């Protein structure tokens, strides 16, 4: 396991060098949202050939956030907290391909079909610390822009400047190797033995009655 610091926008070489289990700290500009409505709108923009309101620079994080606008036009970050990425599986292949994403992050990983697309595109998935809102929020140094104000704060599309955002764990590397798929496969392989044991215990319990 390596501990790696990456400056955004990330280079193809830096991303390709990451392995499952490595710890990563990000510095630079990221784009984040936590909402399904934002994903749907992003796809709609791409389908219609429209530019997104924020320039995506290779890093997209599933990171709900509470941001308050200041009278001077700036923003104050109340908190950020990662959300589950699997619910966005249907949208991620198109976003990864069309937006040239190198790094995607959130909680809970992405499915096997998305991992295949990530391998084709040279993209990795970084797992953020669940329940680590104070640590993650401290890494947000500046909010550069917030778009789609018709959405609740968590669902808006925002660009943030971060410094040492992490530790983030590589859950899917640029070769498509996924810790989530590995754990799922292990669980499936153990299921027949578990079911057999439960059956034997049930039969034994019925006989003892």
N, C-alpha and C. Protein backbone atom coordinates (compact mmCIF):
# COMPACT_ATOMS: atom_id res chain seq x y z
N UNK A 1 0.83 -1.20 0.00
CA UNK A 1 0.00 0.00 0.00
C UNK A 1 0.87 1.24 0.00
N UNK A 2 0.59 2.14 -0.94
CA UNK A 2 1.33 3.40 -1.03
C UNK A 2 0.44 4.55 -0.55
N UNK A 3 1.07 5.60 -0.10
CA UNK A 3 0.39 6.85 0.25
C UNK A 3 0.82 7.89 -0.77
N UNK A 4 -0.15 8.43 -1.50
CA UNK A 4 0.15 9.26 -2.66
C UNK A 4 -0.58 10.59 -2.56
N UNK A 5 0.12 11.66 -2.88
CA UNK A 5 -0.50 12.98 -3.00
C UNK A 5 -0.63 13.31 -4.48
N UNK A 6 -1.84 13.71 -4.89
CA UNK A 6 -2.10 14.03 -6.29
C UNK A 6 -2.62 15.45 -6.40
N UNK A 7 -2.05 16.19 -7.33
CA UNK A 7 -2.51 17.54 -7.62
C UNK A 7 -3.48 17.51 -8.79
N UNK A 8 -4.59 18.18 -8.63
CA UNK A 8 -5.61 18.23 -9.68
C UNK A 8 -5.40 19.46 -10.57
N UNK A 9 -5.62 19.30 -11.89
CA UNK A 9 -6.12 18.09 -12.55
C UNK A 9 -5.07 16.99 -12.55
N UNK A 10 -5.50 15.76 -12.33
CA UNK A 10 -4.55 14.64 -12.23
C UNK A 10 -4.03 14.23 -13.59
N UNK A 11 -2.78 13.83 -13.63
CA UNK A 11 -2.21 13.34 -14.88
C UNK A 11 -2.61 11.89 -15.09
N UNK A 12 -2.60 11.46 -16.33
CA UNK A 12 -2.91 10.09 -16.66
C UNK A 12 -1.91 9.14 -16.00
N UNK A 13 -0.66 9.56 -15.95
CA UNK A 13 0.40 8.71 -15.38
C UNK A 13 0.19 8.53 -13.87
N UNK A 14 -0.18 9.61 -13.18
CA UNK A 14 -0.38 9.53 -11.73
C UNK A 14 -1.54 8.60 -11.39
N UNK A 15 -2.60 8.68 -12.18
CA UNK A 15 -3.77 7.84 -11.93
C UNK A 15 -3.47 6.39 -12.27
N UNK A 16 -2.77 6.15 -13.37
CA UNK A 16 -2.45 4.79 -13.79
C UNK A 16 -1.55 4.07 -12.78
N UNK A 17 -0.78 4.82 -12.03
CA UNK A 17 0.16 4.23 -11.07
C UNK A 17 -0.51 3.77 -9.78
N UNK A 18 -1.78 4.14 -9.57
CA UNK A 18 -2.47 3.79 -8.33
C UNK A 18 -2.93 2.33 -8.35
N UNK A 19 -2.85 1.70 -7.19
CA UNK A 19 -3.33 0.33 -7.03
C UNK A 19 -4.44 0.29 -5.99
N UNK A 20 -5.29 -0.72 -6.09
CA UNK A 20 -6.33 -0.91 -5.09
C UNK A 20 -5.70 -0.95 -3.70
N UNK A 21 -6.28 -0.17 -2.77
CA UNK A 21 -5.76 -0.13 -1.41
C UNK A 21 -4.84 1.03 -1.12
N UNK A 22 -4.31 1.68 -2.16
CA UNK A 22 -3.47 2.86 -1.93
C UNK A 22 -4.28 3.97 -1.27
N UNK A 23 -3.59 4.78 -0.48
CA UNK A 23 -4.22 5.95 0.14
C UNK A 23 -3.82 7.19 -0.64
N UNK A 24 -4.80 8.05 -0.90
CA UNK A 24 -4.60 9.21 -1.75
C UNK A 24 -5.05 10.48 -1.03
N UNK A 25 -4.28 11.55 -1.22
CA UNK A 25 -4.67 12.88 -0.78
C UNK A 25 -4.74 13.78 -2.02
N UNK A 26 -5.85 14.48 -2.17
CA UNK A 26 -6.06 15.34 -3.33
C UNK A 26 -5.89 16.81 -2.97
N UNK A 27 -5.24 17.55 -3.85
CA UNK A 27 -5.16 19.00 -3.73
C UNK A 27 -5.44 19.62 -5.10
N UNK A 28 -6.20 20.71 -5.08
CA UNK A 28 -6.54 21.36 -6.34
C UNK A 28 -8.05 21.51 -6.47
N UNK A 29 -8.54 21.60 -7.68
CA UNK A 29 -9.96 21.87 -7.92
C UNK A 29 -10.72 20.58 -8.23
N UNK A 30 -11.85 20.41 -7.55
CA UNK A 30 -12.72 19.27 -7.79
C UNK A 30 -14.13 19.80 -8.06
N UNK A 31 -14.95 18.96 -8.69
CA UNK A 31 -16.37 19.27 -8.85
C UNK A 31 -17.15 18.22 -8.09
N UNK A 32 -18.21 18.67 -7.39
CA UNK A 32 -18.94 17.75 -6.52
C UNK A 32 -20.44 17.99 -6.59
N UNK A 33 -21.17 16.93 -6.37
CA UNK A 33 -22.61 16.98 -6.13
C UNK A 33 -22.98 15.72 -5.37
N UNK A 34 -24.16 15.75 -4.74
CA UNK A 34 -24.62 14.57 -4.06
C UNK A 34 -25.98 14.11 -4.54
N UNK A 35 -26.44 14.70 -5.66
CA UNK A 35 -27.82 14.48 -6.02
C UNK A 35 -28.08 13.77 -7.33
N UNK A 36 -29.09 12.92 -7.33
CA UNK A 36 -29.56 12.29 -8.55
C UNK A 36 -30.07 13.32 -9.56
N UNK A 37 -30.79 14.37 -9.12
CA UNK A 37 -31.24 15.38 -10.09
C UNK A 37 -30.09 16.02 -10.85
N UNK A 38 -28.96 16.26 -10.17
CA UNK A 38 -27.81 16.87 -10.83
C UNK A 38 -27.23 15.92 -11.88
N UNK A 39 -27.18 14.63 -11.56
CA UNK A 39 -26.68 13.66 -12.53
C UNK A 39 -27.57 13.62 -13.77
N UNK A 40 -28.87 13.63 -13.55
CA UNK A 40 -29.81 13.61 -14.68
C UNK A 40 -29.64 14.86 -15.54
N UNK A 41 -29.45 16.01 -14.89
CA UNK A 41 -29.28 17.25 -15.66
C UNK A 41 -27.96 17.25 -16.42
N UNK A 42 -26.92 16.70 -15.81
CA UNK A 42 -25.65 16.61 -16.51
C UNK A 42 -25.78 15.76 -17.77
N UNK A 43 -26.46 14.62 -17.64
CA UNK A 43 -26.67 13.75 -18.80
C UNK A 43 -27.50 14.47 -19.86
N UNK A 44 -28.51 15.20 -19.43
CA UNK A 44 -29.34 15.94 -20.37
C UNK A 44 -28.51 16.97 -21.14
N UNK A 45 -27.62 17.67 -20.44
CA UNK A 45 -26.74 18.64 -21.11
C UNK A 45 -25.87 17.95 -22.15
N UNK A 46 -25.29 16.82 -21.79
CA UNK A 46 -24.43 16.10 -22.72
C UNK A 46 -25.22 15.61 -23.93
N UNK A 47 -26.41 15.08 -23.69
CA UNK A 47 -27.24 14.58 -24.79
C UNK A 47 -27.64 15.68 -25.76
N UNK A 48 -27.79 16.89 -25.23
CA UNK A 48 -28.22 18.02 -26.07
C UNK A 48 -27.05 18.82 -26.61
N UNK A 49 -25.82 18.37 -26.30
CA UNK A 49 -24.64 19.06 -26.79
C UNK A 49 -24.37 20.38 -26.10
N UNK A 50 -24.86 20.53 -24.86
CA UNK A 50 -24.68 21.77 -24.11
C UNK A 50 -23.48 21.66 -23.17
N UNK A 51 -22.83 22.77 -22.93
CA UNK A 51 -21.73 22.80 -21.98
C UNK A 51 -22.27 22.81 -20.55
N UNK A 52 -21.60 22.08 -19.67
CA UNK A 52 -21.94 22.18 -18.26
C UNK A 52 -21.56 23.56 -17.75
N UNK A 53 -22.25 24.06 -16.72
CA UNK A 53 -21.95 25.40 -16.21
C UNK A 53 -20.60 25.51 -15.51
N UNK A 54 -20.01 24.35 -15.16
CA UNK A 54 -18.70 24.32 -14.53
C UNK A 54 -17.74 23.50 -15.38
N UNK A 55 -16.52 23.94 -15.47
CA UNK A 55 -15.51 23.18 -16.20
C UNK A 55 -15.06 22.00 -15.35
N UNK A 56 -15.23 20.81 -15.88
CA UNK A 56 -14.81 19.60 -15.19
C UNK A 56 -13.35 19.34 -15.55
N UNK A 57 -12.51 19.21 -14.52
CA UNK A 57 -11.07 19.05 -14.75
C UNK A 57 -10.58 17.68 -14.31
N UNK A 58 -11.39 16.68 -14.63
CA UNK A 58 -10.94 15.31 -14.40
C UNK A 58 -11.32 14.69 -13.08
N UNK A 59 -11.91 15.47 -12.17
CA UNK A 59 -12.23 14.93 -10.84
C UNK A 59 -13.69 15.25 -10.50
N UNK A 60 -14.45 14.21 -10.20
CA UNK A 60 -15.87 14.35 -9.88
C UNK A 60 -16.17 13.52 -8.65
N UNK A 61 -16.65 14.17 -7.58
CA UNK A 61 -16.84 13.50 -6.30
C UNK A 61 -18.32 13.53 -5.91
N UNK A 62 -18.82 12.41 -5.44
CA UNK A 62 -20.18 12.33 -4.91
C UNK A 62 -20.13 12.81 -3.45
N UNK A 63 -20.28 14.11 -3.32
CA UNK A 63 -20.00 14.76 -2.04
C UNK A 63 -21.07 15.82 -1.73
N UNK A 64 -22.18 15.42 -1.12
CA UNK A 64 -23.18 16.41 -0.71
C UNK A 64 -22.54 17.48 0.17
N UNK A 65 -23.02 18.70 0.05
CA UNK A 65 -22.40 19.79 0.78
C UNK A 65 -23.44 20.84 1.14
N UNK A 66 -23.23 21.45 2.29
CA UNK A 66 -24.05 22.57 2.72
C UNK A 66 -23.19 23.82 2.64
N UNK A 67 -23.53 24.69 1.70
CA UNK A 67 -22.76 25.89 1.44
C UNK A 67 -23.68 27.10 1.55
N UNK A 68 -23.24 28.12 2.26
CA UNK A 68 -24.03 29.34 2.40
C UNK A 68 -23.34 30.49 1.67
N UNK A 69 -24.12 31.24 0.91
CA UNK A 69 -23.58 32.40 0.20
C UNK A 69 -23.38 33.56 1.17
N UNK A 70 -22.27 34.27 1.01
CA UNK A 70 -22.00 35.46 1.82
C UNK A 70 -22.43 36.72 1.07
N UNK A 71 -22.67 37.80 1.79
CA UNK A 71 -23.06 39.05 1.13
C UNK A 71 -22.01 39.56 0.13
N UNK A 72 -20.73 39.21 0.35
CA UNK A 72 -19.67 39.69 -0.54
C UNK A 72 -19.55 38.85 -1.81
N UNK A 73 -20.44 37.85 -1.96
CA UNK A 73 -20.40 37.01 -3.16
C UNK A 73 -19.63 35.72 -2.97
N UNK A 74 -18.96 35.57 -1.85
CA UNK A 74 -18.24 34.33 -1.57
C UNK A 74 -19.15 33.30 -0.92
N UNK A 75 -18.54 32.21 -0.49
CA UNK A 75 -19.31 31.12 0.11
C UNK A 75 -18.62 30.62 1.37
N UNK A 76 -19.44 30.18 2.32
CA UNK A 76 -18.94 29.50 3.51
C UNK A 76 -19.40 28.05 3.47
N UNK A 77 -18.47 27.14 3.72
CA UNK A 77 -18.79 25.71 3.75
C UNK A 77 -19.19 25.33 5.16
N UNK A 78 -20.43 24.87 5.32
CA UNK A 78 -20.88 24.38 6.61
C UNK A 78 -20.37 22.96 6.85
N UNK A 79 -20.49 22.12 5.83
CA UNK A 79 -19.92 20.78 5.90
C UNK A 79 -20.03 20.11 4.54
N UNK A 80 -19.22 19.09 4.35
CA UNK A 80 -19.36 18.17 3.22
C UNK A 80 -19.37 16.76 3.79
N UNK A 81 -20.05 15.84 3.11
CA UNK A 81 -20.12 14.47 3.61
C UNK A 81 -20.42 13.54 2.43
N UNK A 82 -19.62 12.51 2.20
CA UNK A 82 -19.79 11.68 1.00
C UNK A 82 -21.09 10.90 1.01
N UNK A 83 -21.57 10.59 -0.19
CA UNK A 83 -22.78 9.79 -0.34
C UNK A 83 -22.48 8.55 -1.16
N UNK A 84 -23.42 7.61 -1.18
CA UNK A 84 -23.24 6.33 -1.85
C UNK A 84 -23.24 6.49 -3.36
N UNK A 85 -22.22 6.00 -4.01
CA UNK A 85 -22.06 6.17 -5.45
C UNK A 85 -22.86 5.17 -6.27
N UNK A 86 -23.16 4.00 -5.72
CA UNK A 86 -23.80 2.95 -6.52
C UNK A 86 -25.14 3.38 -7.10
N UNK A 87 -25.81 4.32 -6.46
CA UNK A 87 -27.10 4.75 -7.00
C UNK A 87 -26.95 5.59 -8.26
N UNK A 88 -25.72 5.93 -8.60
CA UNK A 88 -25.47 6.69 -9.82
C UNK A 88 -24.86 5.83 -10.93
N UNK A 89 -24.87 4.51 -10.75
CA UNK A 89 -24.25 3.61 -11.72
C UNK A 89 -24.74 3.84 -13.15
N UNK A 90 -26.02 4.09 -13.30
CA UNK A 90 -26.60 4.22 -14.64
C UNK A 90 -26.06 5.44 -15.39
N UNK A 91 -25.57 6.42 -14.66
CA UNK A 91 -25.14 7.69 -15.27
C UNK A 91 -23.62 7.78 -15.45
N UNK A 92 -22.88 7.00 -14.65
CA UNK A 92 -21.45 7.20 -14.61
C UNK A 92 -20.71 6.83 -15.90
N UNK A 93 -21.08 5.76 -16.62
CA UNK A 93 -20.33 5.47 -17.85
C UNK A 93 -20.30 6.64 -18.83
N UNK A 94 -21.45 7.28 -19.06
CA UNK A 94 -21.47 8.40 -19.99
C UNK A 94 -20.69 9.59 -19.44
N UNK A 95 -20.80 9.85 -18.15
CA UNK A 95 -20.07 10.98 -17.57
C UNK A 95 -18.56 10.73 -17.63
N UNK A 96 -18.14 9.51 -17.33
CA UNK A 96 -16.70 9.20 -17.37
C UNK A 96 -16.15 9.39 -18.78
N UNK A 97 -16.87 8.86 -19.76
CA UNK A 97 -16.40 8.95 -21.15
C UNK A 97 -16.44 10.39 -21.67
N UNK A 98 -17.58 11.04 -21.52
CA UNK A 98 -17.78 12.34 -22.17
C UNK A 98 -17.07 13.49 -21.47
N UNK A 99 -16.81 13.33 -20.18
CA UNK A 99 -16.16 14.41 -19.43
C UNK A 99 -14.68 14.11 -19.16
N UNK A 100 -14.19 13.01 -19.72
CA UNK A 100 -12.78 12.64 -19.56
C UNK A 100 -12.36 12.59 -18.08
N UNK A 101 -13.18 11.91 -17.29
CA UNK A 101 -12.89 11.84 -15.86
C UNK A 101 -11.73 10.90 -15.59
N UNK A 102 -10.85 11.31 -14.70
CA UNK A 102 -9.73 10.48 -14.26
C UNK A 102 -9.96 9.94 -12.85
N UNK A 103 -10.69 10.72 -12.05
CA UNK A 103 -10.95 10.33 -10.68
C UNK A 103 -12.43 10.56 -10.37
N UNK A 104 -13.06 9.51 -9.83
CA UNK A 104 -14.41 9.60 -9.30
C UNK A 104 -14.34 9.17 -7.85
N UNK A 105 -15.12 9.80 -6.99
CA UNK A 105 -15.07 9.44 -5.58
C UNK A 105 -16.42 9.46 -4.93
N UNK A 106 -16.50 8.83 -3.76
CA UNK A 106 -17.73 8.78 -2.99
C UNK A 106 -17.65 7.66 -1.97
N UNK A 107 -18.82 7.06 -1.66
CA UNK A 107 -18.87 5.92 -0.75
C UNK A 107 -19.45 4.71 -1.49
N UNK A 108 -19.04 3.53 -1.09
CA UNK A 108 -19.71 2.32 -1.53
C UNK A 108 -19.33 1.79 -2.89
N UNK A 109 -18.45 2.48 -3.61
CA UNK A 109 -17.97 1.97 -4.88
C UNK A 109 -18.95 2.13 -6.03
N UNK A 110 -18.59 1.57 -7.15
CA UNK A 110 -19.40 1.54 -8.37
C UNK A 110 -19.45 0.11 -8.87
N UNK A 111 -20.46 -0.20 -9.68
CA UNK A 111 -20.68 -1.57 -10.13
C UNK A 111 -19.67 -2.06 -11.14
N UNK A 112 -19.76 -3.36 -11.43
CA UNK A 112 -18.81 -4.02 -12.32
C UNK A 112 -18.84 -3.42 -13.72
N UNK A 113 -20.01 -3.08 -14.21
CA UNK A 113 -20.11 -2.50 -15.56
C UNK A 113 -19.41 -1.14 -15.62
N UNK A 114 -19.54 -0.37 -14.56
CA UNK A 114 -18.87 0.94 -14.52
C UNK A 114 -17.36 0.75 -14.40
N UNK A 115 -16.93 -0.26 -13.64
CA UNK A 115 -15.50 -0.53 -13.50
C UNK A 115 -14.86 -0.86 -14.84
N UNK A 116 -15.60 -1.54 -15.71
CA UNK A 116 -15.08 -1.84 -17.05
C UNK A 116 -14.86 -0.56 -17.84
N UNK A 117 -15.80 0.35 -17.75
CA UNK A 117 -15.66 1.65 -18.44
C UNK A 117 -14.48 2.43 -17.86
N UNK A 118 -14.30 2.35 -16.57
CA UNK A 118 -13.18 3.04 -15.92
C UNK A 118 -11.85 2.50 -16.43
N UNK A 119 -11.79 1.18 -16.63
CA UNK A 119 -10.56 0.58 -17.15
C UNK A 119 -10.29 1.06 -18.57
N UNK A 120 -11.34 1.18 -19.37
CA UNK A 120 -11.18 1.67 -20.73
C UNK A 120 -10.71 3.13 -20.75
N UNK A 121 -11.20 3.91 -19.79
CA UNK A 121 -10.92 5.34 -19.78
C UNK A 121 -9.70 5.72 -18.96
N UNK A 122 -9.17 4.77 -18.16
CA UNK A 122 -8.06 5.09 -17.28
C UNK A 122 -8.49 5.95 -16.11
N UNK A 123 -9.59 5.54 -15.47
CA UNK A 123 -10.19 6.29 -14.37
C UNK A 123 -10.16 5.43 -13.11
N UNK A 124 -10.03 6.06 -11.94
CA UNK A 124 -10.04 5.34 -10.67
C UNK A 124 -11.21 5.82 -9.81
N UNK A 125 -11.57 4.96 -8.86
CA UNK A 125 -12.58 5.32 -7.87
C UNK A 125 -11.90 5.44 -6.51
N UNK A 126 -12.12 6.57 -5.85
CA UNK A 126 -11.57 6.80 -4.52
C UNK A 126 -12.68 6.78 -3.49
N UNK A 127 -12.51 5.97 -2.48
CA UNK A 127 -13.50 5.86 -1.41
C UNK A 127 -13.20 6.88 -0.32
N UNK A 128 -14.19 7.73 -0.05
CA UNK A 128 -14.05 8.74 0.99
C UNK A 128 -14.44 8.17 2.34
N UNK A 129 -13.94 8.78 3.37
CA UNK A 129 -14.15 8.31 4.73
C UNK A 129 -15.60 8.55 5.15
N UNK A 130 -16.38 7.47 5.28
CA UNK A 130 -17.75 7.59 5.76
C UNK A 130 -17.77 8.10 7.20
N UNK A 131 -18.62 9.08 7.47
CA UNK A 131 -18.66 9.66 8.80
C UNK A 131 -17.50 10.59 9.09
N UNK A 132 -16.70 10.88 8.05
CA UNK A 132 -15.51 11.72 8.25
C UNK A 132 -15.74 13.17 7.87
N UNK A 133 -16.96 13.66 8.03
CA UNK A 133 -17.29 15.01 7.60
C UNK A 133 -16.35 16.08 8.15
N UNK A 134 -16.00 16.06 9.46
CA UNK A 134 -15.11 17.12 9.97
C UNK A 134 -13.75 17.15 9.27
N UNK A 135 -13.17 15.95 9.03
CA UNK A 135 -11.86 15.88 8.37
C UNK A 135 -11.96 16.34 6.93
N UNK A 136 -13.00 15.87 6.22
CA UNK A 136 -13.17 16.23 4.82
C UNK A 136 -13.51 17.71 4.65
N UNK A 137 -14.35 18.23 5.54
CA UNK A 137 -14.76 19.63 5.45
C UNK A 137 -13.58 20.57 5.66
N UNK A 138 -12.67 20.17 6.52
CA UNK A 138 -11.49 21.00 6.80
C UNK A 138 -10.60 21.15 5.57
N UNK A 139 -10.67 20.18 4.67
CA UNK A 139 -9.82 20.22 3.47
C UNK A 139 -10.36 21.16 2.40
N UNK A 140 -11.62 21.61 2.52
CA UNK A 140 -12.20 22.53 1.55
C UNK A 140 -11.70 23.94 1.88
N UNK A 141 -10.83 24.46 1.03
CA UNK A 141 -10.22 25.76 1.30
C UNK A 141 -10.96 26.92 0.64
N UNK A 142 -11.68 26.63 -0.45
CA UNK A 142 -12.40 27.70 -1.14
C UNK A 142 -13.48 27.09 -2.03
N UNK A 143 -14.62 27.75 -2.07
CA UNK A 143 -15.68 27.38 -3.01
C UNK A 143 -15.59 28.35 -4.18
N UNK A 144 -15.31 27.81 -5.35
CA UNK A 144 -15.07 28.64 -6.52
C UNK A 144 -16.36 29.00 -7.24
N UNK A 145 -17.33 28.10 -7.24
CA UNK A 145 -18.60 28.37 -7.95
C UNK A 145 -19.64 27.37 -7.49
N UNK A 146 -20.88 27.80 -7.49
CA UNK A 146 -22.02 26.93 -7.19
C UNK A 146 -23.07 27.15 -8.27
N UNK A 147 -23.55 26.08 -8.86
CA UNK A 147 -24.53 26.18 -9.94
C UNK A 147 -25.79 25.38 -9.61
N UNK A 148 -26.84 25.64 -10.40
CA UNK A 148 -28.12 24.96 -10.27
C UNK A 148 -28.74 25.20 -8.90
N UNK A 149 -28.97 26.47 -8.63
CA UNK A 149 -29.52 26.90 -7.34
C UNK A 149 -30.98 26.50 -7.17
N UNK A 150 -31.62 26.01 -8.22
CA UNK A 150 -32.99 25.53 -8.07
C UNK A 150 -33.04 24.20 -7.32
N UNK A 151 -31.89 23.56 -7.15
CA UNK A 151 -31.81 22.33 -6.37
C UNK A 151 -31.52 22.66 -4.91
N UNK A 152 -31.88 21.76 -3.98
CA UNK A 152 -31.40 21.90 -2.60
C UNK A 152 -29.88 21.90 -2.58
N UNK A 153 -29.31 22.44 -1.53
CA UNK A 153 -27.85 22.63 -1.46
C UNK A 153 -27.08 21.35 -1.74
N UNK A 154 -27.52 20.22 -1.18
CA UNK A 154 -26.79 18.96 -1.34
C UNK A 154 -26.71 18.51 -2.79
N UNK A 155 -27.70 18.93 -3.60
CA UNK A 155 -27.80 18.45 -4.98
C UNK A 155 -27.15 19.39 -5.98
N UNK A 156 -26.69 20.53 -5.55
CA UNK A 156 -26.12 21.49 -6.49
C UNK A 156 -24.77 21.02 -7.00
N UNK A 157 -24.37 21.60 -8.11
CA UNK A 157 -23.08 21.29 -8.72
C UNK A 157 -22.11 22.39 -8.32
N UNK A 158 -21.05 22.02 -7.62
CA UNK A 158 -20.12 23.02 -7.08
C UNK A 158 -18.68 22.68 -7.41
N UNK A 159 -17.91 23.73 -7.61
CA UNK A 159 -16.47 23.55 -7.78
C UNK A 159 -15.78 24.06 -6.52
N UNK A 160 -14.89 23.24 -5.99
CA UNK A 160 -14.20 23.56 -4.74
C UNK A 160 -12.70 23.39 -4.91
N UNK A 161 -11.98 24.19 -4.18
CA UNK A 161 -10.52 24.04 -4.11
C UNK A 161 -10.18 23.35 -2.80
N UNK A 162 -9.49 22.22 -2.90
CA UNK A 162 -9.19 21.43 -1.71
C UNK A 162 -7.68 21.35 -1.50
N UNK A 163 -7.35 21.06 -0.27
CA UNK A 163 -5.93 20.85 0.09
C UNK A 163 -5.83 19.62 0.96
N UNK A 164 -5.14 18.60 0.46
CA UNK A 164 -4.97 17.33 1.18
C UNK A 164 -6.32 16.74 1.60
N UNK A 165 -7.23 16.66 0.64
CA UNK A 165 -8.51 15.99 0.88
C UNK A 165 -8.23 14.50 1.01
N UNK A 166 -8.51 13.95 2.17
CA UNK A 166 -8.23 12.54 2.39
C UNK A 166 -8.16 12.20 3.86
N UNK A 167 -7.75 10.97 4.18
CA UNK A 167 -7.25 9.95 3.25
C UNK A 167 -8.39 9.31 2.44
N UNK A 168 -8.13 9.11 1.16
CA UNK A 168 -9.06 8.46 0.25
C UNK A 168 -8.44 7.13 -0.19
N UNK A 169 -9.23 6.09 -0.19
CA UNK A 169 -8.73 4.76 -0.52
C UNK A 169 -9.09 4.39 -1.95
N UNK A 170 -8.13 3.88 -2.70
CA UNK A 170 -8.41 3.44 -4.06
C UNK A 170 -9.24 2.16 -3.99
N UNK A 171 -10.53 2.27 -4.36
CA UNK A 171 -11.42 1.13 -4.34
C UNK A 171 -11.49 0.42 -5.68
N UNK A 172 -11.31 1.18 -6.77
CA UNK A 172 -11.24 0.63 -8.13
C UNK A 172 -10.08 1.32 -8.82
N UNK A 173 -9.14 0.56 -9.34
CA UNK A 173 -8.00 1.18 -9.99
C UNK A 173 -8.23 1.31 -11.50
N UNK A 174 -7.27 1.89 -12.19
CA UNK A 174 -7.43 2.20 -13.61
C UNK A 174 -7.37 0.96 -14.50
N UNK A 175 -7.14 -0.20 -13.90
CA UNK A 175 -7.19 -1.46 -14.65
C UNK A 175 -8.51 -2.19 -14.41
N UNK A 176 -9.41 -1.53 -13.67
CA UNK A 176 -10.71 -2.11 -13.41
C UNK A 176 -10.77 -3.06 -12.24
N UNK A 177 -9.67 -3.21 -11.51
CA UNK A 177 -9.67 -4.08 -10.35
C UNK A 177 -10.44 -3.40 -9.23
N UNK A 178 -11.43 -4.12 -8.67
CA UNK A 178 -12.36 -3.52 -7.72
C UNK A 178 -12.39 -4.29 -6.42
N UNK A 179 -12.13 -3.60 -5.31
CA UNK A 179 -12.24 -4.25 -4.01
C UNK A 179 -13.68 -4.63 -3.73
N UNK A 180 -14.62 -3.86 -4.27
CA UNK A 180 -16.04 -4.13 -4.04
C UNK A 180 -16.46 -5.42 -4.74
N UNK A 181 -16.02 -5.60 -5.98
CA UNK A 181 -16.34 -6.82 -6.72
C UNK A 181 -15.67 -8.02 -6.08
N UNK A 182 -14.44 -7.83 -5.60
CA UNK A 182 -13.72 -8.92 -4.96
C UNK A 182 -14.45 -9.40 -3.71
N UNK A 183 -14.92 -8.44 -2.90
CA UNK A 183 -15.65 -8.80 -1.68
C UNK A 183 -16.99 -9.47 -2.02
N UNK A 184 -17.64 -8.96 -3.06
CA UNK A 184 -18.91 -9.55 -3.48
C UNK A 184 -18.71 -10.98 -3.97
N UNK A 185 -17.64 -11.20 -4.74
CA UNK A 185 -17.36 -12.55 -5.23
C UNK A 185 -17.05 -13.50 -4.07
N UNK A 186 -16.30 -13.02 -3.09
CA UNK A 186 -15.98 -13.85 -1.92
C UNK A 186 -17.24 -14.22 -1.15
N UNK A 187 -18.13 -13.25 -1.00
CA UNK A 187 -19.38 -13.51 -0.28
C UNK A 187 -20.22 -14.55 -1.01
N UNK A 188 -20.29 -14.42 -2.34
CA UNK A 188 -21.08 -15.37 -3.13
C UNK A 188 -20.50 -16.79 -3.03
N UNK A 189 -19.17 -16.87 -3.03
CA UNK A 189 -18.54 -18.19 -2.98
C UNK A 189 -18.81 -18.89 -1.64
N UNK A 190 -19.04 -18.11 -0.60
CA UNK A 190 -19.27 -18.70 0.72
C UNK A 190 -20.75 -19.01 0.97
N UNK A 191 -21.62 -18.45 0.11
CA UNK A 191 -23.05 -18.58 0.35
C UNK A 191 -23.55 -20.02 0.38
N UNK A 192 -23.13 -20.91 -0.57
CA UNK A 192 -23.64 -22.29 -0.52
C UNK A 192 -23.32 -22.99 0.80
N UNK A 193 -22.10 -22.81 1.30
CA UNK A 193 -21.72 -23.45 2.56
C UNK A 193 -22.53 -22.90 3.72
N UNK A 194 -22.77 -21.60 3.71
CA UNK A 194 -23.57 -20.98 4.77
C UNK A 194 -24.99 -21.51 4.75
N UNK A 195 -25.57 -21.60 3.54
CA UNK A 195 -26.94 -22.10 3.42
C UNK A 195 -27.03 -23.56 3.85
N UNK A 196 -26.02 -24.36 3.52
CA UNK A 196 -26.00 -25.75 3.92
C UNK A 196 -25.94 -25.89 5.43
N UNK A 197 -25.12 -25.07 6.07
CA UNK A 197 -25.01 -25.09 7.53
C UNK A 197 -26.34 -24.71 8.17
N UNK A 198 -26.99 -23.67 7.63
CA UNK A 198 -28.28 -23.26 8.18
C UNK A 198 -29.32 -24.37 8.02
N UNK A 199 -29.28 -25.05 6.88
CA UNK A 199 -30.23 -26.14 6.64
C UNK A 199 -30.02 -27.26 7.65
N UNK A 200 -28.75 -27.62 7.88
CA UNK A 200 -28.44 -28.69 8.82
C UNK A 200 -28.91 -28.31 10.23
N UNK A 201 -28.71 -27.06 10.62
CA UNK A 201 -29.14 -26.62 11.95
C UNK A 201 -30.66 -26.62 12.06
N UNK A 202 -31.35 -26.24 10.98
CA UNK A 202 -32.80 -26.24 11.01
C UNK A 202 -33.33 -27.66 11.16
N UNK A 203 -32.75 -28.59 10.39
CA UNK A 203 -33.18 -29.98 10.46
C UNK A 203 -32.91 -30.54 11.87
N UNK A 204 -31.75 -30.22 12.43
CA UNK A 204 -31.43 -30.71 13.78
C UNK A 204 -32.40 -30.15 14.81
N UNK A 205 -32.77 -28.87 14.64
CA UNK A 205 -33.71 -28.25 15.57
C UNK A 205 -35.09 -28.88 15.48
N UNK A 206 -35.52 -29.22 14.26
CA UNK A 206 -36.83 -29.82 14.07
C UNK A 206 -36.87 -31.23 14.68
N UNK A 207 -35.75 -31.96 14.59
CA UNK A 207 -35.70 -33.31 15.13
C UNK A 207 -35.71 -33.31 16.66
N UNK A 208 -35.19 -32.26 17.23
CA UNK A 208 -35.11 -32.21 18.69
C UNK A 208 -36.41 -31.76 19.34
N UNK A 209 -37.35 -31.32 18.53
CA UNK A 209 -38.62 -30.83 19.10
C UNK A 209 -39.47 -32.00 19.59
